[in-house]
Amino acid sequence: MSEGLFITLEGGDGVGKSTQAALLEEWLTGRGRTVVRTREPGGTDAGVEIREIVLHHRGDIAPRAEALLYAADRAHHVATVVRPALARGDVVVQDRYIDSSVAYQGAGRILDAQQIRDLSLWAAEGLLPDLTILLDLDEDTARTRLDSARTRYDRLEAERSDFHARVRAAYLALADEEPERFLVVDAGRPVDDIAAEIRDRLAARV
């Protein structure tokens, strides 16, 4: 049986995670791997309901309550989707994971980043990705992309520029702290060039 592989894609809103996840899934499938493509929040039936609350709820949600909702989604998602897939030897390609919580709820909401990380690790029973692809793009360019593609913004996308600047800085700091886990990619480059860089990093592992 092939060894399971856990790959996450991270970055601010509008950086192209969904596009790269689709291209990566296609490439991995072509190499004979079974791919489970998923996301947080929303990768399970329960997660879909949590996603609606944290991203589309009308009115305020207290920052700590928001962090706990994300952690609840993560605990259920890891237990019922991610770990079983890895045990089968599948490749999990996931849009957002623990680093999103540290960046968005930690830096963005100005909560204690270490507490957020500890909460997420507890929820996930310590599971970390084998590779985290950080698609990095300055927040103004990302906003321009969103403006051309969105008619409805979720609660996080609708935050001000300073919020998204804190999120980006937090992501880059996380990548600096764990360079062996992260691949930082300039998301302003052509889509095919980004995909090629990701494939180069993974070729020896799949």
Protein backbone atom coordinates (compact mmCIF):
# COMPACT_ATOMS: atom_id res chain seq x y z
CA MET A 1 0.00 0.00 0.00
CA SER A 2 1.22 3.51 -0.78
CA GLU A 3 1.96 5.74 2.16
CA GLY A 4 -0.72 8.30 2.94
CA LEU A 5 0.22 11.93 2.34
CA PHE A 6 -1.39 15.00 3.86
CA ILE A 7 -1.09 18.20 1.81
CA THR A 8 -2.68 21.50 2.79
CA LEU A 9 -3.04 24.70 0.82
CA GLU A 10 -2.97 27.98 2.72
CA GLY A 11 -3.02 31.69 2.01
CA GLY A 12 -5.27 34.70 2.10
CA ASP A 13 -8.57 34.98 0.29
CA GLY A 14 -8.18 35.30 -3.47
CA VAL A 15 -4.75 33.68 -3.84
CA GLY A 16 -5.90 30.74 -5.99
CA LYS A 17 -6.00 27.80 -3.57
CA SER A 18 -8.97 26.12 -5.26
CA THR A 19 -7.34 26.36 -8.69
CA GLN A 20 -4.08 24.83 -7.48
CA ALA A 21 -5.90 22.14 -5.50
CA ALA A 22 -7.73 21.06 -8.65
CA LEU A 23 -4.53 20.97 -10.71
CA LEU A 24 -2.73 19.05 -7.99
CA GLU A 25 -5.54 16.51 -7.74
CA GLU A 26 -5.41 15.96 -11.50
CA TRP A 27 -1.64 15.44 -11.46
CA LEU A 28 -1.68 13.08 -8.49
CA THR A 29 -4.49 11.02 -10.01
CA GLY A 30 -2.47 10.77 -13.20
CA ARG A 31 0.37 9.29 -11.16
CA GLY A 32 -1.93 6.57 -9.88
CA ARG A 33 -2.70 8.00 -6.45
CA THR A 34 -6.14 8.08 -4.87
CA VAL A 35 -6.88 11.65 -3.86
CA VAL A 36 -9.30 12.90 -1.22
CA ARG A 37 -9.86 16.57 -1.87
CA THR A 38 -11.48 18.40 1.01
CA ARG A 39 -11.64 21.70 2.88
CA GLU A 40 -12.06 23.34 6.25
CA PRO A 41 -14.57 24.30 7.29
CA GLY A 42 -17.10 22.27 5.33
CA GLY A 43 -15.49 18.93 4.56
CA THR A 44 -18.25 16.96 6.31
CA ASP A 45 -22.02 17.28 6.65
CA ALA A 46 -21.56 18.77 10.11
CA GLY A 47 -18.81 20.99 8.74
CA VAL A 48 -21.12 22.44 6.11
CA GLU A 49 -23.39 23.68 8.88
CA ILE A 50 -20.45 25.08 10.86
CA ARG A 51 -19.16 26.78 7.70
CA GLU A 52 -22.49 28.53 7.27
CA ILE A 53 -22.28 29.85 10.84
CA VAL A 54 -18.67 31.06 10.79
CA LEU A 55 -18.67 32.51 7.28
CA HIS A 56 -22.24 33.62 6.58
CA HIS A 57 -23.91 34.23 9.95
CA ARG A 58 -25.63 37.61 10.05
CA GLY A 59 -24.32 39.61 12.98
CA ASP A 60 -21.26 39.34 15.18
CA ILE A 61 -19.63 36.19 16.48
CA ALA A 62 -17.25 36.66 19.42
CA PRO A 63 -13.65 35.92 18.31
CA ARG A 64 -13.19 33.11 20.85
CA ALA A 65 -16.49 31.54 19.82
CA GLU A 66 -15.36 31.71 16.20
CA ALA A 67 -12.08 29.97 17.08
CA LEU A 68 -13.92 27.24 18.94
CA LEU A 69 -16.28 26.63 16.03
CA TYR A 70 -13.35 26.18 13.68
CA ALA A 71 -11.74 23.79 16.17
CA ALA A 72 -14.95 21.78 16.45
CA ASP A 73 -15.13 21.44 12.68
CA ARG A 74 -11.46 20.39 12.61
CA ALA A 75 -11.86 17.72 15.28
CA HIS A 76 -14.74 16.05 13.44
CA HIS A 77 -13.17 16.45 10.00
CA VAL A 78 -9.82 14.95 10.99
CA ALA A 79 -11.45 12.03 12.81
CA THR A 80 -13.93 11.14 10.08
CA VAL A 81 -12.25 12.16 6.81
CA VAL A 82 -8.53 12.88 7.03
CA ARG A 83 -7.19 10.13 9.29
CA PRO A 84 -9.22 7.35 7.60
CA ALA A 85 -7.97 8.51 4.19
CA LEU A 86 -4.35 8.56 5.32
CA ALA A 87 -4.77 5.11 6.86
CA ARG A 88 -5.91 3.83 3.44
CA GLY A 89 -2.79 5.27 1.83
CA ASP A 90 -4.65 8.08 0.04
CA VAL A 91 -3.36 11.58 -0.60
CA VAL A 92 -5.41 14.23 1.18
CA VAL A 93 -5.40 17.61 -0.58
CA GLN A 94 -7.02 20.08 1.77
CA ASP A 95 -7.97 23.74 1.48
CA ARG A 96 -7.08 25.31 4.87
CA TYR A 97 -6.09 23.71 8.15
CA ILE A 98 -4.46 24.67 11.47
CA ASP A 99 -2.35 27.46 9.98
CA SER A 100 -5.52 29.23 8.84
CA SER A 101 -6.76 29.36 12.41
CA VAL A 102 -3.45 30.74 13.67
CA ALA A 103 -3.42 33.39 10.92
CA TYR A 104 -7.10 34.38 10.86
CA GLN A 105 -8.27 33.88 14.44
CA GLY A 106 -4.86 34.45 16.02
CA ALA A 107 -3.44 37.39 14.07
CA GLY A 108 -6.58 38.58 12.31
CA ARG A 109 -8.82 38.58 15.39
CA ILE A 110 -5.86 39.48 17.65
CA LEU A 111 -6.12 36.41 19.86
CA ASP A 112 -3.17 34.54 21.34
CA ALA A 113 -1.66 32.66 18.38
CA GLN A 114 -0.09 29.95 20.55
CA GLN A 115 -3.38 29.27 22.31
CA ILE A 116 -5.13 28.99 18.95
CA ARG A 117 -2.47 26.58 17.69
CA ASP A 118 -2.66 24.50 20.85
CA LEU A 119 -6.46 24.34 20.58
CA SER A 120 -6.24 23.22 16.96
CA LEU A 121 -3.58 20.60 17.69
CA TRP A 122 -5.73 19.23 20.52
CA ALA A 123 -8.73 19.07 18.19
CA ALA A 124 -6.68 17.29 15.51
CA GLU A 125 -4.92 15.00 18.01
CA GLY A 126 -1.58 16.45 16.95
CA LEU A 127 -1.89 15.77 13.21
CA LEU A 128 0.25 18.09 11.06
CA PRO A 129 0.49 18.11 7.25
CA ASP A 130 3.38 16.51 5.41
CA LEU A 131 3.48 19.59 3.20
CA THR A 132 1.82 22.97 3.48
CA ILE A 133 1.70 25.04 0.29
CA LEU A 134 1.47 28.73 1.15
CA LEU A 135 0.24 30.78 -1.81
CA ASP A 136 1.50 34.24 -0.94
CA LEU A 137 0.03 37.41 -2.43
CA ASP A 138 -0.18 40.94 -1.12
CA GLU A 139 -3.60 41.76 0.25
CA ASP A 140 -4.39 44.57 -2.22
CA THR A 141 -3.82 42.35 -5.25
CA ALA A 142 -5.83 39.57 -3.62
CA ARG A 143 -8.69 41.99 -2.99
CA THR A 144 -8.68 43.03 -6.65
CA ARG A 145 -8.99 39.37 -7.63
CA LEU A 146 -11.88 38.88 -5.23
CA ASP A 147 -13.65 41.98 -6.47
CA SER A 148 -13.60 40.60 -10.01
CA ALA A 149 -14.90 37.18 -8.97
CA ARG A 150 -17.30 37.71 -6.06
CA THR A 151 -20.82 38.99 -5.77
CA ARG A 152 -21.09 37.96 -2.11
CA TYR A 153 -18.30 38.20 0.45
CA ASP A 154 -18.11 35.95 3.50
CA ARG A 155 -17.42 37.36 6.97
CA LEU A 156 -13.65 37.01 6.64
CA GLU A 157 -13.35 38.20 3.06
CA ALA A 158 -15.29 41.32 4.03
CA GLU A 159 -12.74 42.36 6.68
CA ARG A 160 -10.65 45.49 6.19
CA SER A 161 -7.22 45.61 4.59
CA ASP A 162 -5.35 45.79 7.92
CA PHE A 163 -6.96 42.49 8.97
CA HIS A 164 -5.74 40.78 5.80
CA ALA A 165 -2.28 42.34 6.18
CA ARG A 166 -2.01 40.76 9.65
CA VAL A 167 -3.13 37.42 8.24
CA ARG A 168 -0.49 37.50 5.50
CA ALA A 169 2.27 38.46 7.94
CA ALA A 170 1.25 35.63 10.26
CA TYR A 171 1.38 33.10 7.43
CA LEU A 172 4.87 34.19 6.42
CA ALA A 173 6.03 34.00 10.04
CA LEU A 174 4.67 30.46 10.32
CA ALA A 175 6.54 29.47 7.15
CA ASP A 176 9.77 30.96 8.53
CA GLU A 177 9.35 28.90 11.71
CA GLU A 178 8.78 25.59 9.87
CA PRO A 179 10.60 25.78 6.53
CA GLU A 180 10.76 21.98 6.25
CA ARG A 181 6.95 21.77 6.20
CA PHE A 182 6.13 24.83 4.10
CA LEU A 183 6.52 25.58 0.42
CA VAL A 184 6.02 29.32 -0.07
CA VAL A 185 4.95 30.18 -3.61
CA ASP A 186 4.49 33.60 -5.19
CA ALA A 187 0.79 33.49 -6.06
CA GLY A 188 1.21 36.39 -8.50
CA ARG A 189 2.97 34.11 -10.97
CA PRO A 190 1.18 32.31 -13.83
CA VAL A 191 -1.05 29.44 -12.71
CA ASP A 192 0.91 26.80 -14.64
CA ASP A 193 4.23 27.98 -13.20
CA ILE A 194 2.86 27.69 -9.67
CA ALA A 195 1.53 24.20 -10.38
CA ALA A 196 4.92 23.13 -11.77
CA GLU A 197 6.73 24.35 -8.64
CA ILE A 198 4.33 22.37 -6.45
CA ARG A 199 4.80 19.23 -8.56
CA ASP A 200 8.58 19.58 -8.36
CA ARG A 201 8.41 19.65 -4.56
CA LEU A 202 6.21 16.54 -4.46
CA ALA A 203 7.62 14.45 -7.30
CA ALA A 204 9.95 12.39 -5.13
CA ARG A 205 7.21 11.63 -2.60
CA VAL A 206 4.49 10.36 -4.93
